[in-house]
């Protein structure tokens, strides 16, 4: 009986742990999913060698409330901005023809898709709308509390109402974060 209880506790903990992890996909998978069920995309554009990228993954994307919100409101994409993945976006194929597999873990050639998105810093969090159109990139590391406002305004399309600096400042001042450290 004790053994069964331990197994059940382990299963429950595993289920809880898997619920608090982001269910990452490729950009191609997210674009295909959008055709079935429209939803915004959030892309984590990272590189293998980037320390802040690893911190973002562990501290921010590993936060249970952040993971839960992203899984519910976005198709989450993990994109190595110096990797070799081929991406089909807006009837164009993006690749990394200068990719060098011998440089794994070190700086490599930037991916054509990263260049097209004008990603110039790592990590970058890139938001796309439910049609796959680019909304905005967000450069650099963010804590759960710092990313929350962006996750929420882009998930609910509230950014469309923030057309002036004054509107953004009012929204920002009145925003009450719920993600804690």
Protein backbone atom coordinates (compact mmCIF):
# COMPACT_ATOMS: atom_id res chain seq x y z
CA UNK A 1 0.00 0.00 0.00
CA UNK A 2 2.84 2.37 0.87
CA UNK A 3 4.49 1.62 -2.48
CA UNK A 4 1.25 2.35 -4.36
CA UNK A 5 0.92 5.68 -2.52
CA UNK A 6 4.50 6.61 -3.51
CA UNK A 7 3.81 5.71 -7.14
CA UNK A 8 0.62 7.79 -7.15
CA UNK A 9 2.43 10.75 -5.58
CA UNK A 10 5.16 10.41 -8.22
CA UNK A 11 2.60 10.31 -11.04
CA UNK A 12 0.81 13.36 -9.63
CA UNK A 13 4.11 15.26 -9.31
CA UNK A 14 5.07 14.30 -12.87
CA UNK A 15 1.71 15.50 -14.18
CA UNK A 16 2.06 18.77 -12.28
CA UNK A 17 5.63 19.20 -13.53
CA UNK A 18 4.66 18.56 -17.16
CA UNK A 19 1.81 21.08 -16.85
CA UNK A 20 4.30 23.72 -15.70
CA UNK A 21 6.59 23.19 -18.69
CA UNK A 22 6.16 24.98 -21.97
CA UNK A 23 5.18 22.69 -24.83
CA UNK A 24 7.69 24.00 -27.37
CA UNK A 25 7.29 23.39 -31.10
CA UNK A 26 9.03 24.44 -34.29
CA UNK A 27 7.92 27.47 -36.29
CA UNK A 28 6.67 25.17 -39.06
CA UNK A 29 4.56 23.22 -36.53
CA UNK A 30 3.14 26.45 -35.06
CA UNK A 31 2.22 27.84 -38.48
CA UNK A 32 0.50 24.55 -39.35
CA UNK A 33 -1.37 24.59 -36.01
CA UNK A 34 -2.55 28.15 -36.70
CA UNK A 35 -4.30 26.93 -39.85
CA UNK A 36 -6.37 24.53 -37.73
CA UNK A 37 -6.88 26.75 -34.67
CA UNK A 38 -5.79 30.40 -34.92
CA UNK A 39 -3.69 31.53 -31.96
CA UNK A 40 -0.77 33.93 -31.55
CA UNK A 41 2.80 32.63 -31.62
CA UNK A 42 5.57 33.43 -29.17
CA UNK A 43 9.08 32.60 -30.35
CA UNK A 44 12.12 32.21 -28.12
CA UNK A 45 15.00 33.11 -30.48
CA UNK A 46 18.13 31.82 -28.74
CA UNK A 47 21.62 30.54 -29.49
CA UNK A 48 23.54 27.62 -27.98
CA UNK A 49 26.32 29.83 -26.60
CA UNK A 50 24.13 32.55 -25.04
CA UNK A 51 24.17 32.65 -21.22
CA UNK A 52 21.15 35.00 -20.87
CA UNK A 53 19.22 32.65 -23.21
CA UNK A 54 19.80 29.79 -20.77
CA UNK A 55 18.73 32.01 -17.86
CA UNK A 56 15.55 33.02 -19.72
CA UNK A 57 14.76 29.39 -20.39
CA UNK A 58 15.34 28.32 -16.77
CA UNK A 59 14.12 31.30 -14.73
CA UNK A 60 11.38 32.80 -16.89
CA UNK A 61 10.07 30.10 -19.20
CA UNK A 62 10.54 27.60 -16.36
CA UNK A 63 8.26 29.62 -14.07
CA UNK A 64 4.97 27.70 -13.61
CA UNK A 65 2.66 30.71 -14.15
CA UNK A 66 4.59 31.87 -17.22
CA UNK A 67 4.54 28.35 -18.70
CA UNK A 68 0.84 27.91 -17.99
CA UNK A 69 -0.05 31.28 -19.54
CA UNK A 70 2.06 30.66 -22.64
CA UNK A 71 0.66 27.14 -23.15
CA UNK A 72 -2.92 28.44 -22.87
CA UNK A 73 -2.56 31.55 -25.03
CA UNK A 74 0.19 30.92 -27.59
CA UNK A 75 1.83 28.42 -29.84
CA UNK A 76 5.30 28.50 -28.25
CA UNK A 77 8.23 28.22 -30.65
CA UNK A 78 11.82 27.48 -29.73
CA UNK A 79 14.09 28.78 -32.51
CA UNK A 80 17.87 28.48 -32.62
CA UNK A 81 18.73 31.73 -34.43
CA UNK A 82 22.05 30.21 -35.51
CA UNK A 83 20.71 26.70 -36.17
CA UNK A 84 20.10 24.67 -39.30
CA UNK A 85 16.29 24.31 -39.21
CA UNK A 86 14.48 25.09 -42.46
CA UNK A 87 11.47 27.37 -42.00
CA UNK A 88 8.63 27.85 -44.47
CA UNK A 89 7.18 31.30 -43.75
CA UNK A 90 4.90 33.35 -45.98
CA UNK A 91 5.67 31.28 -49.09
CA UNK A 92 9.43 31.62 -48.60
CA UNK A 93 11.95 29.08 -47.34
CA UNK A 94 14.50 30.30 -44.79
CA UNK A 95 17.59 28.26 -43.95
CA UNK A 96 21.15 28.73 -42.75
CA UNK A 97 23.40 27.78 -45.67
CA UNK A 98 26.55 28.89 -43.80
CA UNK A 99 25.72 26.76 -40.73
CA UNK A 100 28.79 24.90 -39.47
CA UNK A 101 28.00 21.81 -37.32
CA UNK A 102 31.57 21.88 -35.93
CA UNK A 103 30.76 25.13 -34.11
CA UNK A 104 28.05 23.63 -31.87
CA UNK A 105 28.03 25.58 -28.60
CA UNK A 106 29.93 28.52 -30.16
CA UNK A 107 28.93 31.40 -32.39
CA UNK A 108 27.67 30.25 -35.76
CA UNK A 109 26.21 31.87 -38.84
CA UNK A 110 22.92 33.74 -38.27
CA UNK A 111 19.85 32.00 -39.69
CA UNK A 112 18.14 33.70 -42.65
CA UNK A 113 14.87 33.81 -40.66
CA UNK A 114 16.62 35.63 -37.78
CA UNK A 115 17.96 38.14 -40.30
CA UNK A 116 14.52 38.57 -41.88
CA UNK A 117 13.06 39.29 -38.43
CA UNK A 118 15.96 41.70 -37.76
CA UNK A 119 16.95 39.86 -34.62
CA UNK A 120 20.14 41.52 -33.46
CA UNK A 121 20.35 40.39 -29.83
CA UNK A 122 19.97 37.13 -27.94
CA UNK A 123 17.72 36.18 -26.44
CA UNK A 124 14.89 37.80 -28.35
CA UNK A 125 11.25 36.98 -27.77
CA UNK A 126 9.24 37.48 -30.94
CA UNK A 127 5.46 37.76 -31.06
CA UNK A 128 3.32 36.88 -34.09
CA UNK A 129 -0.43 37.29 -34.47
CA UNK A 130 -2.94 34.51 -35.24
CA UNK A 131 -2.21 34.88 -38.99
CA UNK A 132 1.54 34.48 -38.48
CA UNK A 133 2.26 38.17 -39.07
CA UNK A 134 5.02 39.73 -36.98
CA UNK A 135 3.77 41.85 -34.07
CA UNK A 136 6.99 42.78 -32.28
CA UNK A 137 10.34 41.49 -31.06
CA UNK A 138 11.41 41.93 -27.44
CA UNK A 139 15.19 41.96 -27.00
CA UNK A 140 17.06 40.63 -24.00
CA UNK A 141 16.50 38.70 -20.81
CA UNK A 142 13.25 39.28 -18.89
CA UNK A 143 12.16 38.00 -15.49
CA UNK A 144 8.66 36.52 -15.10
CA UNK A 145 7.44 39.86 -13.69
CA UNK A 146 9.03 41.81 -16.56
CA UNK A 147 7.64 39.61 -19.33
CA UNK A 148 4.11 39.34 -17.95
CA UNK A 149 2.83 42.64 -19.33
CA UNK A 150 4.03 41.74 -22.84
CA UNK A 151 2.60 38.23 -22.69
CA UNK A 152 -0.78 39.64 -21.76
CA UNK A 153 -1.03 42.60 -24.14
CA UNK A 154 -0.01 40.46 -27.14
CA UNK A 155 -2.11 37.41 -26.19
CA UNK A 156 -5.31 39.43 -25.91
CA UNK A 157 -4.46 41.87 -28.75
CA UNK A 158 -4.62 44.75 -26.25
CA UNK A 159 -1.55 46.25 -27.93
CA UNK A 160 -3.83 47.36 -30.80
CA UNK A 161 -5.42 49.92 -28.44
CA UNK A 162 -2.06 51.30 -27.27
CA UNK A 163 -1.37 53.61 -30.19
CA UNK A 164 0.33 56.44 -28.30
CA UNK A 165 3.07 56.70 -25.72
CA UNK A 166 0.52 58.16 -23.30
CA UNK A 167 -1.77 55.13 -23.74
CA UNK A 168 1.16 52.75 -23.14
CA UNK A 169 2.28 54.67 -20.05
CA UNK A 170 -1.24 54.59 -18.58
CA UNK A 171 -1.59 50.88 -19.31
CA UNK A 172 1.83 50.18 -17.82
CA UNK A 173 1.10 52.25 -14.67
CA UNK A 174 -2.24 50.49 -14.11
CA UNK A 175 -0.98 47.00 -14.89
CA UNK A 176 -1.03 44.71 -11.86
CA UNK A 177 1.37 41.79 -12.31
CA UNK A 178 0.43 38.38 -10.97
CA UNK A 179 3.61 36.46 -11.83
CA UNK A 180 5.99 36.47 -8.89
CA UNK A 181 9.68 35.63 -8.78
